[in-house]
Amino acid sequence: MQARLKTESEIEAMRQGGKILATIFDGLKKQVVVGVSALEADAWVDQEIKRLGAIATYKTPEVQFPNAICISVNDAIVHGIPNEYRFEKGDIVSFDLVITYKGMKTDSAFSMVVGEQPTGIKKHLMSLTERSLYAGIDAIKGPTYTGDIGAAVEKVLAGGKLGIIRDLVGHGVGHEMHQAPEVPNWGRKGTGVLLVPGDTIAIEPMATLGSDRIKTDHDGWTIRTRDGSLAAHYEHTILVTDDGVEILTQL
């Protein structure tokens, strides 16, 4: 079952919230340097969320995550709990953030290399994972099946011989952080749930340089690659329109 359709005022709230989220990410990229700790990055994000008039969704009763943002380093794919680890040159760090603004949620994620430009296999992993996100977005031409999105994402990742995380998926978002429908990062065209104008979903490919198998840390949150391979994660919240999409979580 899909989430109920949103009113124009609710969509506008998501538009505004998405801009706030993108603004936070733009500033965060400048904060993350060698020697800064994950906890310090989290504190900066928490402060910015409050300053910009939003709510850290992860810290609400809906989610009960201990921090404002998920910070996942190297072989951690998603849901990393910020701790005292200090970023080192060459780390791949993925940031995943959900905020609530005027009662509506938006969700976005990005990966970056600390202290240097990505090269070699890191650049391959990150550039293709990000490219697969936009391939999934570009697959939406008005009413579109979730399988069309998954097939487009899968084509890019499989073509780059990356591990496609299949146990974690994109999702509807808006009134709640996770709503129907699920949006897998693989699939067949013409299958799945039919998205219609007014639907809002989070597309979020996650890929690795190795296997697609995952494991969860003892903290109950952090999800890692089982083989220790590096991972990347990119995500946008988008609005399905009559003839395409509007990306809500970008400046």
Protein backbone atom coordinates (compact mmCIF):
# COMPACT_ATOMS: atom_id res chain seq x y z
CA MET A 1 0.00 0.00 0.00
CA GLN A 2 1.34 3.42 -0.94
CA ALA A 3 1.42 6.40 1.37
CA ARG A 4 -1.49 8.83 1.14
CA LEU A 5 -1.05 11.65 -1.34
CA LYS A 6 0.27 14.92 0.02
CA THR A 7 -1.33 18.32 -0.15
CA GLU A 8 0.38 21.14 -2.02
CA SER A 9 1.29 22.75 1.30
CA GLU A 10 2.88 19.50 2.48
CA ILE A 11 4.89 19.23 -0.73
CA GLU A 12 5.99 22.83 -0.30
CA ALA A 13 7.12 22.02 3.25
CA MET A 14 9.21 19.15 1.82
CA ARG A 15 10.62 21.54 -0.77
CA GLN A 16 11.69 23.93 1.96
CA GLY A 17 12.96 21.14 4.19
CA GLY A 18 14.94 19.65 1.33
CA LYS A 19 16.68 22.96 0.76
CA ILE A 20 17.55 23.12 4.46
CA LEU A 21 18.98 19.59 4.31
CA ALA A 22 21.03 20.45 1.21
CA THR A 23 22.32 23.59 2.92
CA ILE A 24 23.46 21.51 5.90
CA PHE A 25 25.25 19.06 3.62
CA ASP A 26 26.94 21.89 1.75
CA GLY A 27 28.37 23.21 5.02
CA LEU A 28 29.19 19.76 6.38
CA LYS A 29 31.52 19.02 3.47
CA LYS A 30 33.68 21.93 4.63
CA GLN A 31 33.68 20.71 8.26
CA VAL A 32 34.91 17.19 7.52
CA VAL A 33 38.71 17.38 7.51
CA VAL A 34 41.49 15.15 8.81
CA GLY A 35 41.44 15.05 12.61
CA VAL A 36 37.79 16.01 13.09
CA SER A 37 35.84 13.37 14.99
CA ALA A 38 32.54 11.86 13.95
CA LEU A 39 31.03 13.18 17.19
CA GLU A 40 32.20 16.70 16.36
CA ALA A 41 30.64 16.44 12.89
CA ASP A 42 27.40 15.19 14.44
CA ALA A 43 27.34 18.08 16.93
CA TRP A 44 27.80 20.59 14.11
CA VAL A 45 24.93 19.04 12.15
CA ASP A 46 22.68 19.00 15.22
CA GLN A 47 23.39 22.69 15.80
CA GLU A 48 22.69 23.59 12.17
CA ILE A 49 19.39 21.68 12.14
CA LYS A 50 18.21 23.71 15.12
CA ARG A 51 19.56 26.99 13.74
CA LEU A 52 17.65 26.49 10.50
CA GLY A 53 14.39 25.71 12.27
CA ALA A 54 14.15 21.98 11.57
CA ILE A 55 14.10 18.83 13.72
CA ALA A 56 16.62 15.97 13.74
CA THR A 57 14.28 13.12 12.78
CA TYR A 58 16.69 10.40 13.88
CA LYS A 59 16.48 11.62 17.48
CA THR A 60 12.67 11.57 17.61
CA PRO A 61 10.57 8.73 19.10
CA GLU A 62 9.80 7.60 15.52
CA VAL A 63 13.40 6.44 15.07
CA GLN A 64 15.23 6.61 18.44
CA PHE A 65 18.68 6.81 16.86
CA PRO A 66 21.15 8.26 19.39
CA ASN A 67 22.48 11.06 17.18
CA ALA A 68 21.39 13.66 14.61
CA ILE A 69 23.11 12.06 11.60
CA CYS A 70 24.38 8.63 10.54
CA ILE A 71 28.13 8.63 9.83
CA SER A 72 29.52 5.47 8.22
CA VAL A 73 33.25 5.06 7.59
CA ASN A 74 34.98 2.85 4.98
CA ASP A 75 33.39 -0.63 5.24
CA ALA A 76 30.34 0.75 7.08
CA ILE A 77 27.50 1.16 4.59
CA VAL A 78 24.76 2.89 6.59
CA HIS A 79 23.45 3.72 10.07
CA GLY A 80 26.87 4.32 11.62
CA ILE A 81 26.62 5.83 15.11
CA PRO A 82 28.92 8.87 15.44
CA ASN A 83 31.70 8.21 17.92
CA GLU A 84 35.12 9.55 18.92
CA TYR A 85 36.83 8.22 15.79
CA ARG A 86 38.83 10.99 14.11
CA PHE A 87 38.73 11.03 10.34
CA GLU A 88 41.95 10.04 8.59
CA LYS A 89 43.19 11.04 5.19
CA GLY A 90 41.72 8.74 2.56
CA ASP A 91 38.71 7.58 4.60
CA ILE A 92 35.48 7.13 2.66
CA VAL A 93 32.78 8.61 4.87
CA SER A 94 29.06 8.38 4.12
CA PHE A 95 26.58 10.78 5.72
CA ASP A 96 22.85 10.02 5.86
CA LEU A 97 20.45 12.61 7.26
CA VAL A 98 16.70 12.94 7.73
CA ILE A 99 15.14 16.17 8.94
CA THR A 100 11.58 17.18 9.75
CA TYR A 101 10.35 20.62 8.70
CA LYS A 102 6.78 21.77 9.19
CA GLY A 103 5.87 18.16 9.96
CA MET A 104 7.32 16.70 6.73
CA LYS A 105 10.45 14.56 6.32
CA THR A 106 13.19 14.69 3.69
CA ASP A 107 16.08 12.24 3.41
CA SER A 108 19.47 12.47 1.66
CA ALA A 109 22.95 10.94 1.74
CA PHE A 110 26.37 11.41 0.19
CA SER A 111 29.86 9.93 0.41
CA MET A 112 33.20 11.74 0.36
CA VAL A 113 36.91 11.03 0.75
CA VAL A 114 38.57 12.88 3.62
CA GLY A 115 41.53 15.11 2.89
CA GLU A 116 42.03 14.30 -0.79
CA GLN A 117 40.28 13.88 -4.10
CA PRO A 118 39.10 10.32 -4.77
CA THR A 119 41.26 8.37 -7.20
CA GLY A 120 41.53 4.79 -8.43
CA ILE A 121 39.10 2.27 -7.00
CA LYS A 122 37.64 4.80 -4.56
CA LYS A 123 36.78 7.14 -7.41
CA HIS A 124 35.33 4.22 -9.36
CA LEU A 125 33.12 3.19 -6.42
CA MET A 126 31.90 6.66 -5.59
CA SER A 127 31.40 8.03 -9.08
CA LEU A 128 29.42 5.00 -10.26
CA THR A 129 27.29 4.87 -7.12
CA GLU A 130 26.43 8.54 -7.54
CA ARG A 131 25.86 8.04 -11.27
CA SER A 132 23.47 5.17 -10.51
CA LEU A 133 21.42 7.49 -8.29
CA TYR A 134 20.92 9.92 -11.17
CA ALA A 135 20.21 7.05 -13.55
CA GLY A 136 17.38 6.01 -11.24
CA ILE A 137 16.11 9.58 -11.09
CA ASP A 138 16.29 9.96 -14.88
CA ALA A 139 14.22 6.78 -15.31
CA ILE A 140 11.18 8.59 -13.93
CA LYS A 141 9.07 10.06 -16.73
CA GLY A 142 5.81 10.84 -15.02
CA PRO A 143 3.99 7.66 -13.84
CA THR A 144 6.80 5.10 -13.41
CA TYR A 145 7.18 1.66 -11.89
CA THR A 146 9.67 1.17 -9.05
CA GLY A 147 11.14 -1.64 -11.16
CA ASP A 148 12.09 0.92 -13.83
CA ILE A 149 14.11 2.83 -11.22
CA GLY A 150 15.75 -0.31 -9.86
CA ALA A 151 16.66 -1.54 -13.34
CA ALA A 152 18.35 1.78 -14.16
CA VAL A 153 20.34 1.78 -10.91
CA GLU A 154 21.32 -1.87 -11.33
CA LYS A 155 22.52 -1.34 -14.91
CA VAL A 156 25.10 1.24 -13.79
CA LEU A 157 26.31 -0.64 -10.71
CA ALA A 158 26.45 -4.06 -12.38
CA GLY A 159 28.21 -2.52 -15.37
CA GLY A 160 30.88 -1.25 -13.00
CA LYS A 161 31.15 -4.69 -11.34
CA LEU A 162 30.19 -3.25 -7.96
CA GLY A 163 28.41 -5.15 -5.20
CA ILE A 164 24.75 -4.06 -5.10
CA ILE A 165 23.33 -4.02 -1.58
CA ARG A 166 20.03 -5.86 -1.91
CA ASP A 167 19.01 -6.10 1.75
CA LEU A 168 18.60 -2.31 2.01
CA VAL A 169 16.30 -0.28 -0.23
CA GLY A 170 14.96 3.15 -0.98
CA HIS A 171 11.46 4.04 0.20
CA GLY A 172 8.58 6.44 0.27
CA VAL A 173 9.13 9.45 2.52
CA GLY A 174 7.17 12.48 3.67
CA HIS A 175 4.64 12.03 6.46
CA GLU A 176 7.00 9.43 7.94
CA MET A 177 10.67 8.65 7.42
CA HIS A 178 10.03 5.23 5.88
CA GLN A 179 6.78 4.68 4.01
CA ALA A 180 5.60 2.43 1.22
CA PRO A 181 6.63 1.69 -1.42
CA GLU A 182 10.06 0.09 -1.18
CA VAL A 183 12.40 1.19 -3.99
CA PRO A 184 15.04 -1.53 -4.54
CA ASN A 185 18.32 -0.84 -6.32
CA TRP A 186 17.67 -3.61 -8.81
CA GLY A 187 14.64 -4.80 -10.73
CA ARG A 188 12.84 -5.30 -14.03
CA LYS A 189 11.16 -2.59 -16.03
CA GLY A 190 7.41 -2.54 -15.79
CA THR A 191 7.29 -4.30 -12.42
CA GLY A 192 6.79 -3.18 -8.86
CA VAL A 193 4.63 -0.31 -7.63
CA LEU A 194 3.40 2.35 -10.05
CA LEU A 195 4.46 5.80 -8.84
CA VAL A 196 2.21 8.69 -9.81
CA PRO A 197 2.61 12.48 -9.81
CA GLY A 198 2.64 13.75 -6.22
CA ASP A 199 4.47 10.72 -4.83
CA THR A 200 7.68 11.45 -2.94
CA ILE A 201 10.36 8.79 -2.58
CA ALA A 202 13.97 8.44 -1.50
CA ILE A 203 16.19 6.73 -4.05
CA GLU A 204 19.38 5.51 -2.36
CA PRO A 205 21.85 3.21 -4.09
CA MET A 206 24.45 1.57 -1.84
CA ALA A 207 27.35 -0.25 -3.43
CA THR A 208 30.61 -1.95 -2.47
CA LEU A 209 33.92 -2.91 -4.03
CA GLY A 210 33.24 -6.50 -3.02
CA SER A 211 30.32 -8.69 -2.01
CA ASP A 212 26.74 -7.55 -1.40
CA ARG A 213 26.59 -9.45 1.89
CA ILE A 214 26.19 -7.36 5.04
CA LYS A 215 26.41 -7.63 8.83
CA THR A 216 25.22 -5.50 11.75
CA ASP A 217 27.52 -4.38 14.55
CA HIS A 218 26.81 -5.14 18.19
CA ASP A 219 25.47 -1.58 18.58
CA GLY A 220 22.38 -2.76 16.68
CA TRP A 221 22.64 0.04 14.12
CA THR A 222 25.86 0.11 12.10
CA ILE A 223 25.64 -2.05 8.96
CA ARG A 224 28.91 -3.10 7.33
CA THR A 225 30.11 -5.14 4.39
CA ARG A 226 30.67 -8.70 5.52
CA ASP A 227 33.91 -8.97 3.54
CA GLY A 228 35.33 -5.65 4.78
CA SER A 229 35.20 -4.02 1.35
CA LEU A 230 34.70 -0.26 0.97
CA ALA A 231 31.17 1.07 0.49
CA ALA A 232 29.47 4.22 -0.82
CA HIS A 233 25.95 5.63 -0.45
CA TYR A 234 24.10 8.41 -2.28
CA GLU A 235 20.48 9.48 -1.85
CA HIS A 236 17.97 12.14 -2.83
CA THR A 237 14.33 12.72 -1.97
CA ILE A 238 12.40 13.33 -5.17
CA LEU A 239 8.89 14.38 -6.16
CA VAL A 240 7.29 12.59 -9.10
CA THR A 241 5.79 15.14 -11.51
CA ASP A 242 3.60 14.84 -14.60
CA ASP A 243 6.59 14.46 -16.93
CA GLY A 244 9.60 13.72 -14.71
CA VAL A 245 10.88 14.58 -11.25
CA GLU A 246 11.80 17.41 -8.95
CA ILE A 247 14.82 16.72 -6.74
CA LEU A 248 13.86 18.15 -3.37
CA THR A 249 17.15 17.70 -1.51
CA GLN A 250 19.43 19.90 -3.56
CA LEU A 251 20.26 23.61 -3.59
